[in-house]
Amino acid sequence: MMNSQQQKEFLQATAWLRPLTRWAAAFSIRSEGILPAWFRNLPLKVVKHILAKDLARMTSTCKSHK
């Protein structure tokens, strides 16, 4: 579990990703019924992958500083 300081650092480190996240969500919603689900959700999966990598990097960095 991350403490509040770690959460703030994570939010600051991933702030650049917010516009892409909004666009990916809008793309998925707007293209429902037009595109297949695997393609429609691909941008969201990319964002999820980036966030997971950043979180893993930050938590491993925090553990090494203890």
PDB file of N, CA and C in Angstrom:
ATOM      1  N   MET A   1       0.834  -1.178   0.000  1.00  0.00           N
ATOM      2  CA  MET A   1       0.000   0.000   0.000  1.00  0.00           C
ATOM      3  C   MET A   1       0.882   1.246   0.000  1.00  0.00           C
ATOM      4  N   MET A   2       0.494   2.231  -0.781  1.00  0.00           N
ATOM      5  CA  MET A   2       1.273   3.463  -0.863  1.00  0.00           C
ATOM      6  C   MET A   2       0.764   4.464   0.179  1.00  0.00           C
ATOM      7  N   ASN A   3       1.691   5.184   0.789  1.00  0.00           N
ATOM      8  CA  ASN A   3       1.267   6.238   1.706  1.00  0.00           C
ATOM      9  C   ASN A   3       0.906   7.487   0.900  1.00  0.00           C
ATOM     10  N   SER A   4       0.424   8.515   1.544  1.00  0.00           N
ATOM     11  CA  SER A   4      -0.066   9.692   0.830  1.00  0.00           C
ATOM     12  C   SER A   4       1.053  10.410   0.079  1.00  0.00           C
ATOM     13  N   GLN A   5       2.255  10.420   0.614  1.00  0.00           N
ATOM     14  CA  GLN A   5       3.374  11.057  -0.082  1.00  0.00           C
ATOM     15  C   GLN A   5       3.701  10.300  -1.369  1.00  0.00           C
ATOM     16  N   GLN A   6       3.701   8.988  -1.301  1.00  0.00           N
ATOM     17  CA  GLN A   6       3.962   8.183  -2.490  1.00  0.00           C
ATOM     18  C   GLN A   6       2.865   8.378  -3.528  1.00  0.00           C
ATOM     19  N   GLN A   7       1.628   8.488  -3.079  1.00  0.00           N
ATOM     20  CA  GLN A   7       0.522   8.724  -4.001  1.00  0.00           C
ATOM     21  C   GLN A   7       0.678  10.059  -4.708  1.00  0.00           C
ATOM     22  N   LYS A   8       1.069  11.089  -3.959  1.00  0.00           N
ATOM     23  CA  LYS A   8       1.288  12.412  -4.562  1.00  0.00           C
ATOM     24  C   LYS A   8       2.402  12.355  -5.594  1.00  0.00           C
ATOM     25  N   GLU A   9       3.484  11.676  -5.267  1.00  0.00           N
ATOM     26  CA  GLU A   9       4.606  11.547  -6.200  1.00  0.00           C
ATOM     27  C   GLU A   9       4.184  10.796  -7.456  1.00  0.00           C
ATOM     28  N   PHE A  10       3.393   9.743  -7.288  1.00  0.00           N
ATOM     29  CA  PHE A  10       2.918   8.977  -8.440  1.00  0.00           C
ATOM     30  C   PHE A  10       2.021   9.840  -9.331  1.00  0.00           C
ATOM     31  N   LEU A  11       1.120  10.609  -8.723  1.00  0.00           N
ATOM     32  CA  LEU A  11       0.247  11.487  -9.499  1.00  0.00           C
ATOM     33  C   LEU A  11       1.042  12.548 -10.246  1.00  0.00           C
ATOM     34  N   GLN A  12       2.049  13.099  -9.606  1.00  0.00           N
ATOM     35  CA  GLN A  12       2.881  14.099 -10.269  1.00  0.00           C
ATOM     36  C   GLN A  12       3.691  13.481 -11.399  1.00  0.00           C
ATOM     37  N   ALA A  13       4.192  12.279 -11.177  1.00  0.00           N
ATOM     38  CA  ALA A  13       5.015  11.620 -12.189  1.00  0.00           C
ATOM     39  C   ALA A  13       4.203  11.198 -13.412  1.00  0.00           C
ATOM     40  N   THR A  14       2.920  10.975 -13.236  1.00  0.00           N
ATOM     41  CA  THR A  14       2.087  10.512 -14.351  1.00  0.00           C
ATOM     42  C   THR A  14       1.116  11.583 -14.848  1.00  0.00           C
ATOM     43  N   ALA A  15       1.317  12.825 -14.448  1.00  0.00           N
ATOM     44  CA  ALA A  15       0.414  13.907 -14.870  1.00  0.00           C
ATOM     45  C   ALA A  15       0.400  14.070 -16.387  1.00  0.00           C
ATOM     46  N   TRP A  16       1.527  13.827 -17.036  1.00  0.00           N
ATOM     47  CA  TRP A  16       1.596  13.969 -18.485  1.00  0.00           C
ATOM     48  C   TRP A  16       0.671  12.985 -19.202  1.00  0.00           C
ATOM     49  N   LEU A  17       0.286  11.919 -18.512  1.00  0.00           N
ATOM     50  CA  LEU A  17      -0.521  10.869 -19.123  1.00  0.00           C
ATOM     51  C   LEU A  17      -2.024  11.156 -19.075  1.00  0.00           C
ATOM     52  N   ARG A  18      -2.440  12.113 -18.257  1.00  0.00           N
ATOM     53  CA  ARG A  18      -3.877  12.390 -18.099  1.00  0.00           C
ATOM     54  C   ARG A  18      -4.591  12.753 -19.393  1.00  0.00           C
ATOM     55  N   PRO A  19      -4.053  13.653 -20.217  1.00  0.00           N
ATOM     56  CA  PRO A  19      -4.758  13.961 -21.480  1.00  0.00           C
ATOM     57  C   PRO A  19      -4.903  12.732 -22.382  1.00  0.00           C
ATOM     58  N   LEU A  20      -3.880  11.887 -22.420  1.00  0.00           N
ATOM     59  CA  LEU A  20      -3.955  10.665 -23.216  1.00  0.00           C
ATOM     60  C   LEU A  20      -5.012   9.717 -22.654  1.00  0.00           C
ATOM     61  N   THR A  21      -5.105   9.647 -21.337  1.00  0.00           N
ATOM     62  CA  THR A  21      -6.105   8.791 -20.693  1.00  0.00           C
ATOM     63  C   THR A  21      -7.515   9.261 -21.040  1.00  0.00           C
ATOM     64  N   ARG A  22      -7.735  10.565 -20.973  1.00  0.00           N
ATOM     65  CA  ARG A  22      -9.058  11.113 -21.321  1.00  0.00           C
ATOM     66  C   ARG A  22      -9.401  10.812 -22.775  1.00  0.00           C
ATOM     67  N   TRP A  23      -8.408  11.005 -23.672  1.00  0.00           N
ATOM     68  CA  TRP A  23      -8.646  10.746 -25.079  1.00  0.00           C
ATOM     69  C   TRP A  23      -8.957   9.256 -25.302  1.00  0.00           C
ATOM     70  N   ALA A  24      -8.199   8.369 -24.650  1.00  0.00           N
ATOM     71  CA  ALA A  24      -8.397   6.928 -24.817  1.00  0.00           C
ATOM     72  C   ALA A  24      -9.788   6.511 -24.352  1.00  0.00           C
ATOM     73  N   ALA A  25     -10.236   7.063 -23.243  1.00  0.00           N
ATOM     74  CA  ALA A  25     -11.573   6.737 -22.736  1.00  0.00           C
ATOM     75  C   ALA A  25     -12.648   7.250 -23.693  1.00  0.00           C
ATOM     76  N   ALA A  26     -12.477   8.471 -24.168  1.00  0.00           N
ATOM     77  CA  ALA A  26     -13.449   9.039 -25.114  1.00  0.00           C
ATOM     78  C   ALA A  26     -13.484   8.242 -26.414  1.00  0.00           C
ATOM     79  N   PHE A  27     -12.319   7.846 -26.899  1.00  0.00           N
ATOM     80  CA  PHE A  27     -12.230   7.044 -28.122  1.00  0.00           C
ATOM     81  C   PHE A  27     -12.983   5.728 -27.949  1.00  0.00           C
ATOM     82  N   SER A  28     -12.791   5.087 -26.816  1.00  0.00           N
ATOM     83  CA  SER A  28     -13.438   3.814 -26.548  1.00  0.00           C
ATOM     84  C   SER A  28     -14.958   3.967 -26.501  1.00  0.00           C
ATOM     85  N   ILE A  29     -15.406   5.013 -25.839  1.00  0.00           N
ATOM     86  CA  ILE A  29     -16.856   5.231 -25.711  1.00  0.00           C
ATOM     87  C   ILE A  29     -17.475   5.607 -27.059  1.00  0.00           C
ATOM     88  N   ARG A  30     -16.820   6.516 -27.795  1.00  0.00           N
ATOM     89  CA  ARG A  30     -17.377   6.982 -29.075  1.00  0.00           C
ATOM     90  C   ARG A  30     -17.405   5.892 -30.147  1.00  0.00           C
ATOM     91  N   SER A  31     -16.462   4.975 -30.102  1.00  0.00           N
ATOM     92  CA  SER A  31     -16.371   3.968 -31.156  1.00  0.00           C
ATOM     93  C   SER A  31     -17.112   2.675 -30.812  1.00  0.00           C
ATOM     94  N   GLU A  32     -17.862   2.675 -29.719  1.00  0.00           N
ATOM     95  CA  GLU A  32     -18.630   1.490 -29.347  1.00  0.00           C
ATOM     96  C   GLU A  32     -19.662   1.193 -30.428  1.00  0.00           C
ATOM     97  N   GLY A  33     -19.719  -0.039 -30.840  1.00  0.00           N
ATOM     98  CA  GLY A  33     -20.644  -0.445 -31.882  1.00  0.00           C
ATOM     99  C   GLY A  33     -20.092  -0.252 -33.277  1.00  0.00           C
ATOM    100  N   ILE A  34     -18.972   0.451 -33.396  1.00  0.00           N
ATOM    101  CA  ILE A  34     -18.363   0.687 -34.703  1.00  0.00           C
ATOM    102  C   ILE A  34     -17.132  -0.196 -34.888  1.00  0.00           C
ATOM    103  N   LEU A  35     -16.294  -0.208 -33.870  1.00  0.00           N
ATOM    104  CA  LEU A  35     -15.044  -0.968 -33.927  1.00  0.00           C
ATOM    105  C   LEU A  35     -15.127  -2.179 -33.010  1.00  0.00           C
ATOM    106  N   PRO A  36     -14.361  -3.221 -33.327  1.00  0.00           N
ATOM    107  CA  PRO A  36     -14.322  -4.373 -32.413  1.00  0.00           C
ATOM    108  C   PRO A  36     -13.718  -3.970 -31.061  1.00  0.00           C
ATOM    109  N   ALA A  37     -14.135  -4.654 -30.019  1.00  0.00           N
ATOM    110  CA  ALA A  37     -13.725  -4.312 -28.651  1.00  0.00           C
ATOM    111  C   ALA A  37     -12.211  -4.346 -28.474  1.00  0.00           C
ATOM    112  N   TRP A  38     -11.531  -5.307 -29.075  1.00  0.00           N
ATOM    113  CA  TRP A  38     -10.082  -5.404 -28.894  1.00  0.00           C
ATOM    114  C   TRP A  38      -9.375  -4.158 -29.420  1.00  0.00           C
ATOM    115  N   PHE A  39      -9.880  -3.594 -30.518  1.00  0.00           N
ATOM    116  CA  PHE A  39      -9.271  -2.404 -31.104  1.00  0.00           C
ATOM    117  C   PHE A  39      -9.717  -1.143 -30.368  1.00  0.00           C
ATOM    118  N   ARG A  40     -10.975  -1.126 -29.993  1.00  0.00           N
ATOM    119  CA  ARG A  40     -11.554   0.027 -29.301  1.00  0.00           C
ATOM    120  C   ARG A  40     -10.871   0.267 -27.958  1.00  0.00           C
ATOM    121  N   ASN A  41     -10.500  -0.797 -27.267  1.00  0.00           N
ATOM    122  CA  ASN A  41      -9.902  -0.681 -25.941  1.00  0.00           C
ATOM    123  C   ASN A  41      -8.373  -0.676 -25.950  1.00  0.00           C
ATOM    124  N   LEU A  42      -7.776  -0.763 -27.111  1.00  0.00           N
ATOM    125  CA  LEU A  42      -6.319  -0.799 -27.211  1.00  0.00           C
ATOM    126  C   LEU A  42      -5.645   0.431 -26.598  1.00  0.00           C
ATOM    127  N   PRO A  43      -6.118   1.663 -26.859  1.00  0.00           N
ATOM    128  CA  PRO A  43      -5.480   2.812 -26.210  1.00  0.00           C
ATOM    129  C   PRO A  43      -5.555   2.761 -24.687  1.00  0.00           C
ATOM    130  N   LEU A  44      -6.659   2.272 -24.139  1.00  0.00           N
ATOM    131  CA  LEU A  44      -6.780   2.147 -22.694  1.00  0.00           C
ATOM    132  C   LEU A  44      -5.806   1.111 -22.141  1.00  0.00           C
ATOM    133  N   LYS A  45      -5.586   0.043 -22.884  1.00  0.00           N
ATOM    134  CA  LYS A  45      -4.641  -0.974 -22.440  1.00  0.00           C
ATOM    135  C   LYS A  45      -3.212  -0.450 -22.452  1.00  0.00           C
ATOM    136  N   VAL A  46      -2.896   0.407 -23.415  1.00  0.00           N
ATOM    137  CA  VAL A  46      -1.566   1.016 -23.467  1.00  0.00           C
ATOM    138  C   VAL A  46      -1.362   1.922 -22.250  1.00  0.00           C
ATOM    139  N   VAL A  47      -2.366   2.728 -21.926  1.00  0.00           N
ATOM    140  CA  VAL A  47      -2.294   3.594 -20.748  1.00  0.00           C
ATOM    141  C   VAL A  47      -2.128   2.758 -19.482  1.00  0.00           C
ATOM    142  N   LYS A  48      -2.890   1.682 -19.374  1.00  0.00           N
ATOM    143  CA  LYS A  48      -2.798   0.808 -18.199  1.00  0.00           C
ATOM    144  C   LYS A  48      -1.393   0.222 -18.070  1.00  0.00           C
ATOM    145  N   HIS A  49      -0.817  -0.179 -19.184  1.00  0.00           N
ATOM    146  CA  HIS A  49       0.528  -0.750 -19.178  1.00  0.00           C
ATOM    147  C   HIS A  49       1.561   0.285 -18.720  1.00  0.00           C
ATOM    148  N   ILE A  50       1.441   1.512 -19.213  1.00  0.00           N
ATOM    149  CA  ILE A  50       2.367   2.578 -18.827  1.00  0.00           C
ATOM    150  C   ILE A  50       2.244   2.866 -17.331  1.00  0.00           C
ATOM    151  N   LEU A  51       1.017   2.958 -16.836  1.00  0.00           N
ATOM    152  CA  LEU A  51       0.803   3.230 -15.417  1.00  0.00           C
ATOM    153  C   LEU A  51       1.349   2.099 -14.544  1.00  0.00           C
ATOM    154  N   ALA A  52       1.143   0.864 -14.968  1.00  0.00           N
ATOM    155  CA  ALA A  52       1.645  -0.278 -14.196  1.00  0.00           C
ATOM    156  C   ALA A  52       3.169  -0.264 -14.139  1.00  0.00           C
ATOM    157  N   LYS A  53       3.810   0.053 -15.252  1.00  0.00           N
ATOM    158  CA  LYS A  53       5.278   0.122 -15.281  1.00  0.00           C
ATOM    159  C   LYS A  53       5.782   1.233 -14.367  1.00  0.00           C
ATOM    160  N   ASP A  54       5.142   2.413 -14.428  1.00  0.00           N
ATOM    161  CA  ASP A  54       5.561   3.521 -13.573  1.00  0.00           C
ATOM    162  C   ASP A  54       5.367   3.185 -12.102  1.00  0.00           C
ATOM    163  N   LEU A  55       4.251   2.569 -11.777  1.00  0.00           N
ATOM    164  CA  LEU A  55       3.984   2.200 -10.387  1.00  0.00           C
ATOM    165  C   LEU A  55       5.004   1.177  -9.895  1.00  0.00           C
ATOM    166  N   ALA A  56       5.309   0.192 -10.709  1.00  0.00           N
ATOM    167  CA  ALA A  56       6.292  -0.826 -10.325  1.00  0.00           C
ATOM    168  C   ALA A  56       7.666  -0.190 -10.133  1.00  0.00           C
ATOM    169  N   ARG A  57       8.019   0.737 -10.995  1.00  0.00           N
ATOM    170  CA  ARG A  57       9.308   1.421 -10.880  1.00  0.00           C
ATOM    171  C   ARG A  57       9.357   2.247  -9.599  1.00  0.00           C
ATOM    172  N   MET A  58       8.269   2.953  -9.299  1.00  0.00           N
ATOM    173  CA  MET A  58       8.248   3.795  -8.105  1.00  0.00           C
ATOM    174  C   MET A  58       8.273   2.963  -6.820  1.00  0.00           C
ATOM    175  N   THR A  59       7.536   1.871  -6.792  1.00  0.00           N
ATOM    176  CA  THR A  59       7.521   1.050  -5.580  1.00  0.00           C
ATOM    177  C   THR A  59       8.858   0.345  -5.377  1.00  0.00           C
ATOM    178  N   SER A  60       9.517  -0.044  -6.454  1.00  0.00           N
ATOM    179  CA  SER A  60      10.831  -0.662  -6.297  1.00  0.00           C
ATOM    180  C   SER A  60      11.856   0.363  -5.843  1.00  0.00           C
ATOM    181  N   THR A  61      11.709   1.595  -6.290  1.00  0.00           N
ATOM    182  CA  THR A  61      12.600   2.673  -5.854  1.00  0.00           C
ATOM    183  C   THR A  61      12.381   2.971  -4.382  1.00  0.00           C
ATOM    184  N   CYS A  62      11.129   2.976  -3.955  1.00  0.00           N
ATOM    185  CA  CYS A  62      10.812   3.254  -2.535  1.00  0.00           C
ATOM    186  C   CYS A  62      11.373   2.149  -1.640  1.00  0.00           C
ATOM    187  N   LYS A  63      11.275   0.922  -2.063  1.00  0.00           N
ATOM    188  CA  LYS A  63      11.776  -0.194  -1.256  1.00  0.00           C
ATOM    189  C   LYS A  63      13.295  -0.142  -1.123  1.00  0.00           C
ATOM    190  N   SER A  64      13.963   0.312  -2.187  1.00  0.00           N
ATOM    191  CA  SER A  64      15.419   0.352  -2.137  1.00  0.00           C
ATOM    192  C   SER A  64      15.941   1.496  -1.268  1.00  0.00           C
ATOM    193  N   HIS A  65      15.088   2.521  -1.007  1.00  0.00           N
ATOM    194  CA  HIS A  65      15.490   3.648  -0.171  1.00  0.00           C
ATOM    195  C   HIS A  65      15.259   3.398   1.310  1.00  0.00           C
ATOM    196  N   LYS A  66      14.614   2.320   1.675  1.00  0.00           N
ATOM    197  CA  LYS A  66      14.327   2.053   3.083  1.00  0.00           C
ATOM    198  C   LYS A  66      15.539   1.616   3.840  1.00  0.00           C
TER     199      LYS A  66
END
